[in-house]
Amino acid sequence: MSKRFKITATGKAIHRKANRGHKFGHRRGERKSQLRIDGCITGKQAKHILECLRPAGR
C-alpha cells in the first residue's frame, strides 16, 4: 500500500490520479491540469489506509 498511497503531515491519505501515463496530446488543458493534482481519500477507505500504513507496534 505504501507504493500507492502517502500520508501527509496533517494525516490525510493522498493518491496519484489514474490516466496519467501517456497520450496527453489529445486531452484538453483543463483535464491535464486536473490530473496533475493528487487526489485525497476520505471516509472509511481513508481510515483503512491510515491503519495499514501506520508503523507496527503503535
N, C-alpha and C. Protein backbone atom coordinates (compact mmCIF):
# COMPACT_ATOMS: atom_id res chain seq x y z
N MET A 1 0.81 -1.21 0.00
CA MET A 1 0.00 0.00 0.00
C MET A 1 0.85 1.26 0.00
N SER A 2 2.04 1.21 0.58
CA SER A 2 2.88 2.40 0.62
C SER A 2 3.34 2.81 -0.77
N LYS A 3 3.24 1.90 -1.73
CA LYS A 3 3.60 2.22 -3.11
C LYS A 3 2.53 3.13 -3.74
N ARG A 4 1.28 3.02 -3.31
CA ARG A 4 0.18 3.74 -3.94
C ARG A 4 -0.32 4.95 -3.16
N PHE A 5 -0.14 4.94 -1.85
CA PHE A 5 -0.70 5.99 -1.01
C PHE A 5 0.38 6.64 -0.16
N LYS A 6 0.12 7.88 0.24
CA LYS A 6 1.05 8.62 1.08
C LYS A 6 0.24 9.34 2.15
N ILE A 7 0.80 9.42 3.34
CA ILE A 7 0.16 10.14 4.43
C ILE A 7 0.81 11.51 4.52
N THR A 8 0.01 12.56 4.49
CA THR A 8 0.53 13.92 4.57
C THR A 8 0.87 14.27 6.02
N ALA A 9 1.48 15.42 6.20
CA ALA A 9 1.86 15.88 7.54
C ALA A 9 0.63 16.12 8.42
N THR A 10 -0.50 16.42 7.80
CA THR A 10 -1.73 16.67 8.56
C THR A 10 -2.54 15.41 8.77
N GLY A 11 -2.05 14.25 8.23
CA GLY A 11 -2.72 12.98 8.46
C GLY A 11 -3.72 12.56 7.41
N LYS A 12 -3.71 13.21 6.26
CA LYS A 12 -4.62 12.82 5.18
C LYS A 12 -3.96 11.80 4.28
N ALA A 13 -4.77 10.96 3.63
CA ALA A 13 -4.27 9.96 2.69
C ALA A 13 -4.45 10.51 1.28
N ILE A 14 -3.35 10.53 0.50
CA ILE A 14 -3.43 11.02 -0.87
C ILE A 14 -2.96 9.92 -1.83
N HIS A 15 -3.37 10.03 -3.09
CA HIS A 15 -3.01 9.07 -4.12
C HIS A 15 -2.82 9.78 -5.44
N ARG A 16 -2.12 9.15 -6.35
CA ARG A 16 -1.93 9.70 -7.69
C ARG A 16 -3.14 9.32 -8.53
N LYS A 17 -3.64 10.26 -9.30
CA LYS A 17 -4.82 10.00 -10.11
C LYS A 17 -4.50 9.08 -11.29
N ALA A 18 -5.50 8.37 -11.75
CA ALA A 18 -5.34 7.45 -12.87
C ALA A 18 -5.28 8.22 -14.19
N ASN A 19 -4.92 7.53 -15.27
CA ASN A 19 -4.86 8.09 -16.63
C ASN A 19 -3.80 9.17 -16.78
N ARG A 20 -2.66 9.00 -16.11
CA ARG A 20 -1.59 9.98 -16.21
C ARG A 20 -0.34 9.40 -16.87
N GLY A 21 -0.46 8.26 -17.51
CA GLY A 21 0.72 7.60 -18.05
C GLY A 21 1.26 8.21 -19.33
N HIS A 22 0.44 8.33 -20.35
CA HIS A 22 0.90 8.81 -21.66
C HIS A 22 -0.31 9.27 -22.45
N LYS A 23 -0.07 9.68 -23.69
CA LYS A 23 -1.11 10.16 -24.61
C LYS A 23 -1.82 11.41 -24.08
N PHE A 24 -1.05 12.47 -23.91
CA PHE A 24 -1.64 13.72 -23.43
C PHE A 24 -1.97 14.69 -24.56
N GLY A 25 -1.59 14.35 -25.78
CA GLY A 25 -1.76 15.28 -26.89
C GLY A 25 -3.21 15.60 -27.20
N HIS A 26 -4.10 14.65 -27.06
CA HIS A 26 -5.49 14.89 -27.44
C HIS A 26 -6.36 15.37 -26.28
N ARG A 27 -5.79 15.45 -25.10
CA ARG A 27 -6.58 15.88 -23.93
C ARG A 27 -6.59 17.39 -23.80
N ARG A 28 -7.71 17.91 -23.28
CA ARG A 28 -7.82 19.34 -23.05
C ARG A 28 -6.85 19.77 -21.94
N GLY A 29 -6.43 21.01 -21.99
CA GLY A 29 -5.52 21.53 -20.98
C GLY A 29 -6.13 21.50 -19.60
N GLU A 30 -7.42 21.75 -19.53
CA GLU A 30 -8.13 21.74 -18.24
C GLU A 30 -8.08 20.35 -17.61
N ARG A 31 -8.27 19.34 -18.45
CA ARG A 31 -8.25 17.95 -17.95
C ARG A 31 -6.84 17.58 -17.47
N LYS A 32 -5.83 17.99 -18.22
CA LYS A 32 -4.45 17.68 -17.84
C LYS A 32 -4.09 18.35 -16.52
N SER A 33 -4.55 19.58 -16.32
CA SER A 33 -4.23 20.26 -15.07
C SER A 33 -4.96 19.62 -13.90
N GLN A 34 -6.15 19.08 -14.13
CA GLN A 34 -6.87 18.39 -13.06
C GLN A 34 -6.17 17.09 -12.68
N LEU A 35 -5.57 16.43 -13.65
CA LEU A 35 -4.88 15.17 -13.37
C LEU A 35 -3.56 15.38 -12.63
N ARG A 36 -2.99 16.59 -12.73
CA ARG A 36 -1.72 16.86 -12.05
C ARG A 36 -1.88 16.89 -10.53
N ILE A 37 -3.07 17.26 -10.06
CA ILE A 37 -3.31 17.38 -8.62
C ILE A 37 -3.60 16.00 -8.04
N ASP A 38 -2.90 15.66 -6.95
CA ASP A 38 -3.14 14.37 -6.30
C ASP A 38 -4.51 14.35 -5.65
N GLY A 39 -5.14 13.16 -5.65
CA GLY A 39 -6.46 13.01 -5.06
C GLY A 39 -6.38 12.72 -3.58
N CYS A 40 -7.35 13.21 -2.83
CA CYS A 40 -7.41 12.98 -1.40
C CYS A 40 -8.51 11.95 -1.12
N ILE A 41 -8.21 11.00 -0.26
CA ILE A 41 -9.15 9.92 0.05
C ILE A 41 -9.87 10.25 1.34
N THR A 42 -11.18 10.04 1.38
CA THR A 42 -11.97 10.37 2.55
C THR A 42 -12.80 9.16 2.98
N GLY A 43 -13.40 9.27 4.13
CA GLY A 43 -14.33 8.26 4.61
C GLY A 43 -13.67 7.01 5.14
N LYS A 44 -14.38 5.89 5.02
CA LYS A 44 -13.90 4.62 5.56
C LYS A 44 -12.65 4.12 4.84
N GLN A 45 -12.54 4.41 3.54
CA GLN A 45 -11.35 3.99 2.82
C GLN A 45 -10.11 4.67 3.38
N ALA A 46 -10.21 5.95 3.70
CA ALA A 46 -9.08 6.68 4.26
C ALA A 46 -8.69 6.10 5.61
N LYS A 47 -9.66 5.78 6.42
CA LYS A 47 -9.38 5.21 7.74
C LYS A 47 -8.65 3.87 7.60
N HIS A 48 -9.09 3.05 6.66
CA HIS A 48 -8.46 1.75 6.43
C HIS A 48 -7.01 1.92 5.96
N ILE A 49 -6.78 2.85 5.06
CA ILE A 49 -5.44 3.08 4.54
C ILE A 49 -4.52 3.60 5.63
N LEU A 50 -5.03 4.50 6.45
CA LEU A 50 -4.22 5.04 7.54
C LEU A 50 -3.82 3.95 8.52
N GLU A 51 -4.73 3.02 8.80
CA GLU A 51 -4.42 1.92 9.70
C GLU A 51 -3.35 1.00 9.09
N CYS A 52 -3.44 0.76 7.79
CA CYS A 52 -2.48 -0.13 7.14
C CYS A 52 -1.09 0.49 7.05
N LEU A 53 -1.02 1.79 6.91
CA LEU A 53 0.29 2.45 6.75
C LEU A 53 0.91 2.88 8.07
N ARG A 54 0.20 2.72 9.15
CA ARG A 54 0.75 3.08 10.45
C ARG A 54 1.91 2.14 10.79
N PRO A 55 2.99 2.66 11.38
CA PRO A 55 4.12 1.79 11.74
C PRO A 55 3.69 0.71 12.72
N ALA A 56 4.31 -0.44 12.64
CA ALA A 56 3.96 -1.58 13.51
C ALA A 56 4.30 -1.26 14.97
N GLY A 57 3.48 -1.74 15.87
CA GLY A 57 3.72 -1.56 17.29
C GLY A 57 3.20 -0.28 17.88
N ARG A 58 2.39 0.45 17.11
CA ARG A 58 1.83 1.70 17.63
C ARG A 58 0.33 1.67 17.60
